Amino acid sequence: MSLEGKKLGLALTGSFCTFEKAFQAAAELVEAGAEVYPIMSFNAAGISSRFGTAEENIRRLTGICGRGIIRTIEDAEPIGPKKMFDLLAVAPCTSNTLAKLAAGITDTPVTMAVKSHIRNGRPVVIAVSTNDALAASGKNIGQLQNYRNYYFVPYRQDNYAGKPNSAVADFGRLRETAEAALEGRQLQPMLLPPAEIRV
């Protein structure tokens, strides 16, 4: 399904090392003709790191999407009642956010956005980025994969030697995952071969 004219929410949580990939994926969605509405968690919008200051990250995201960021719980709540989006992607999605979504906890702009959006039975796309995907977060990933209307960007172990429990989504496949999700399909294969590393 084409993304032309589709309204997509794009939510970033605090996996700062994948922000550059998220920005590139956002640009690809815009180039595909989607109207992209940026959302950031409190941490994503408020913490500066070696991957960029909070102000720089906000400026880049607003520049790509061409609109302001939803960054409060109050601003995220109307997403569902107003049926603002055809699809909502959480990219990157940290282990903290995975756990909250699996448990139904709504205490950040991103978790509120998902809760509000999914009440309409519309698709949510998850791009995992966590060092414990194959450990403590494994049960939360499995739980969300078993829920209706959740779809996952294909992911892989990113450093099986140095971080054997870590997994990161292939952000370059966010667009095609969104296209499939709008058709009610999970893009396959969902589990990708591990990234090549030198040991």
Protein backbone atom coordinates (compact mmCIF):
# COMPACT_ATOMS: atom_id res chain seq x y z
CA MET A 1 0.00 0.00 0.00
CA SER A 2 1.32 3.41 -0.93
CA LEU A 3 2.07 5.90 1.84
CA GLU A 4 1.05 8.82 -0.40
CA GLY A 5 -1.28 11.06 1.59
CA LYS A 6 -1.22 8.83 4.68
CA LYS A 7 -0.96 10.49 8.08
CA LEU A 8 1.74 8.81 10.15
CA GLY A 9 2.77 9.44 13.71
CA LEU A 10 6.48 8.89 14.31
CA ALA A 11 7.43 8.54 17.97
CA LEU A 12 11.01 8.58 19.22
CA THR A 13 12.04 7.22 22.60
CA GLY A 14 15.43 7.48 24.27
CA SER A 15 17.66 5.14 22.27
CA PHE A 16 19.89 8.03 21.26
CA CYS A 17 22.39 5.88 19.37
CA THR A 18 19.71 5.12 16.76
CA PHE A 19 18.42 8.67 16.32
CA GLU A 20 20.40 9.16 13.11
CA LYS A 21 18.74 6.07 11.64
CA ALA A 22 15.35 7.33 12.83
CA PHE A 23 15.92 10.69 11.15
CA GLN A 24 16.82 8.95 7.90
CA ALA A 25 13.71 6.76 8.14
CA ALA A 26 11.56 9.84 8.79
CA ALA A 27 12.96 11.49 5.67
CA GLU A 28 12.12 8.36 3.64
CA LEU A 29 8.53 8.44 4.89
CA VAL A 30 8.21 12.09 3.89
CA GLU A 31 9.74 11.34 0.48
CA ALA A 32 7.15 8.58 0.05
CA GLY A 33 4.42 11.21 0.32
CA ALA A 34 3.33 10.61 3.92
CA GLU A 35 2.39 13.39 6.29
CA VAL A 36 4.65 12.66 9.26
CA TYR A 37 3.78 13.97 12.71
CA PRO A 38 6.71 13.76 15.17
CA ILE A 39 6.27 12.65 18.78
CA MET A 40 8.99 12.43 21.43
CA SER A 41 9.10 10.91 24.88
CA PHE A 42 10.18 13.11 27.78
CA ASN A 43 13.66 11.59 27.66
CA ALA A 44 14.00 11.79 23.89
CA ALA A 45 13.06 15.47 23.90
CA GLY A 46 14.90 16.45 27.05
CA ILE A 47 18.23 14.63 27.28
CA SER A 48 21.41 15.68 25.51
CA SER A 49 23.94 12.96 24.72
CA ARG A 50 27.06 12.35 22.65
CA PHE A 51 24.66 11.73 19.76
CA GLY A 52 23.40 15.32 19.84
CA THR A 53 21.87 17.86 22.17
CA ALA A 54 18.16 17.79 22.89
CA GLU A 55 17.77 21.05 20.98
CA GLU A 56 19.63 19.71 17.93
CA ASN A 57 17.53 16.55 17.82
CA ILE A 58 14.29 18.50 18.08
CA ARG A 59 15.42 20.90 15.37
CA ARG A 60 16.36 18.07 13.00
CA LEU A 61 13.11 16.18 13.51
CA THR A 62 10.91 19.24 13.06
CA GLY A 63 12.92 20.19 9.98
CA ILE A 64 12.37 16.78 8.39
CA CYS A 65 8.69 16.54 9.23
CA GLY A 66 7.83 20.20 8.70
CA ARG A 67 5.73 20.46 11.85
CA GLY A 68 6.07 20.78 15.61
CA ILE A 69 6.62 17.89 17.98
CA ILE A 70 3.99 16.33 20.23
CA ARG A 71 5.92 16.18 23.49
CA THR A 72 3.37 16.23 26.31
CA ILE A 73 0.81 13.71 27.50
CA GLU A 74 -1.90 16.33 27.09
CA ASP A 75 -1.03 16.89 23.44
CA ALA A 76 -0.87 13.13 22.74
CA GLU A 77 -4.24 12.28 24.27
CA PRO A 78 -6.41 13.62 21.37
CA ILE A 79 -4.65 11.39 18.81
CA GLY A 80 -7.26 8.65 19.16
CA PRO A 81 -10.44 10.71 19.63
CA LYS A 82 -9.52 12.87 16.60
CA LYS A 83 -8.31 9.85 14.60
CA MET A 84 -5.23 11.82 13.70
CA PHE A 85 -3.12 9.01 12.21
CA ASP A 86 -3.55 6.12 9.82
CA LEU A 87 -0.52 4.48 11.46
CA LEU A 88 1.76 5.19 14.41
CA ALA A 89 5.40 4.05 14.49
CA VAL A 90 7.58 3.97 17.60
CA ALA A 91 11.09 4.16 16.18
CA PRO A 92 13.26 3.69 18.14
CA CYS A 93 11.39 1.83 20.86
CA THR A 94 13.41 1.25 24.03
CA SER A 95 13.02 -1.60 26.49
CA ASN A 96 11.40 0.84 28.93
CA THR A 97 8.70 1.74 26.42
CA LEU A 98 8.26 -1.90 25.36
CA ALA A 99 7.59 -2.84 28.99
CA LYS A 100 5.10 -0.02 29.46
CA LEU A 101 3.20 -0.86 26.29
CA ALA A 102 3.04 -4.53 27.24
CA ALA A 103 1.77 -3.64 30.72
CA GLY A 104 -0.64 -0.90 29.62
CA ILE A 105 1.25 1.86 31.44
CA THR A 106 0.58 5.35 30.09
CA ASP A 107 2.95 7.91 31.59
CA THR A 108 4.84 9.46 28.65
CA PRO A 109 3.76 11.24 25.46
CA VAL A 110 4.70 8.14 23.46
CA THR A 111 2.80 5.60 25.54
CA MET A 112 -0.21 7.92 25.59
CA ALA A 113 0.04 8.33 21.83
CA VAL A 114 0.01 4.55 21.33
CA LYS A 115 -2.84 3.98 23.77
CA SER A 116 -4.92 6.72 22.19
CA HIS A 117 -4.19 5.61 18.63
CA ILE A 118 -4.67 1.87 19.02
CA ARG A 119 -8.11 2.24 20.56
CA ASN A 120 -9.32 2.80 16.99
CA GLY A 121 -7.91 -0.56 15.86
CA ARG A 122 -5.27 1.14 13.74
CA PRO A 123 -1.74 -0.23 13.27
CA VAL A 124 1.22 0.46 15.53
CA VAL A 125 4.70 -0.28 14.19
CA ILE A 126 7.52 -1.01 16.64
CA ALA A 127 11.23 -0.60 15.81
CA VAL A 128 13.03 -2.16 18.75
CA SER A 129 16.37 -0.89 19.99
CA THR A 130 17.45 -2.41 23.26
CA ASN A 131 20.43 -4.15 24.82
CA ASP A 132 18.20 -6.73 26.54
CA ALA A 133 15.88 -7.78 23.71
CA LEU A 134 16.92 -11.41 24.19
CA ALA A 135 16.85 -11.15 27.98
CA ALA A 136 14.43 -9.23 30.24
CA SER A 137 12.69 -7.50 27.32
CA GLY A 138 12.12 -10.73 25.42
CA LYS A 139 8.80 -11.39 27.13
CA ASN A 140 7.56 -7.89 26.36
CA ILE A 141 8.50 -8.18 22.69
CA GLY A 142 6.76 -11.56 22.51
CA GLN A 143 3.69 -10.21 24.25
CA LEU A 144 3.34 -7.26 21.86
CA GLN A 145 3.95 -9.51 18.85
CA ASN A 146 0.99 -11.55 20.02
CA TYR A 147 -1.32 -8.50 20.22
CA ARG A 148 -3.56 -7.40 17.38
CA ASN A 149 -2.55 -4.26 15.49
CA TYR A 150 1.12 -4.38 16.54
CA TYR A 151 3.70 -4.88 13.80
CA PHE A 152 7.48 -5.06 14.10
CA VAL A 153 10.17 -3.66 11.87
CA PRO A 154 12.46 -6.64 11.18
CA TYR A 155 15.27 -6.75 13.72
CA ARG A 156 18.56 -8.52 14.38
CA GLN A 157 21.29 -8.98 16.94
CA ASP A 158 23.58 -6.02 16.35
CA ASN A 159 26.64 -7.24 18.27
CA TYR A 160 26.32 -10.87 19.33
CA ALA A 161 29.90 -11.00 20.62
CA GLY A 162 29.97 -7.85 22.72
CA LYS A 163 26.25 -7.56 23.54
CA PRO A 164 24.68 -11.00 23.02
CA ASN A 165 21.22 -9.94 24.24
CA SER A 166 21.03 -6.78 22.14
CA ALA A 167 18.79 -6.33 19.10
CA VAL A 168 18.07 -3.39 16.81
CA ALA A 169 15.49 -2.93 14.07
CA ASP A 170 16.55 -2.41 10.48
CA PHE A 171 15.38 1.20 10.22
CA GLY A 172 15.83 1.08 6.46
CA ARG A 173 12.78 -1.20 6.38
CA LEU A 174 10.47 1.08 8.35
CA ARG A 175 8.74 2.29 5.21
CA GLU A 176 7.93 -1.17 3.86
CA THR A 177 6.89 -2.34 7.33
CA ALA A 178 4.44 0.56 7.50
CA GLU A 179 3.11 -0.25 4.03
CA ALA A 180 2.54 -3.87 5.03
CA ALA A 181 0.98 -2.92 8.38
CA LEU A 182 -1.56 -0.71 6.63
CA GLU A 183 -2.62 -3.86 4.79
CA GLY A 184 -2.76 -5.85 8.03
CA ARG A 185 0.42 -7.83 7.28
CA GLN A 186 3.58 -8.39 9.30
CA LEU A 187 6.59 -7.88 7.07
CA GLN A 188 8.65 -11.06 6.84
CA PRO A 189 11.12 -12.30 7.76
CA MET A 190 10.80 -10.54 11.10
CA LEU A 191 14.03 -11.97 12.53
CA LEU A 192 17.08 -11.10 10.44
CA PRO A 193 20.52 -12.72 10.41
CA PRO A 194 22.91 -11.15 12.94
CA ALA A 195 24.99 -8.19 11.81
CA GLU A 196 28.48 -9.16 10.67
CA ILE A 197 31.10 -8.26 13.27
CA ARG A 198 34.75 -9.04 13.79
CA VAL A 199 35.63 -10.93 16.94
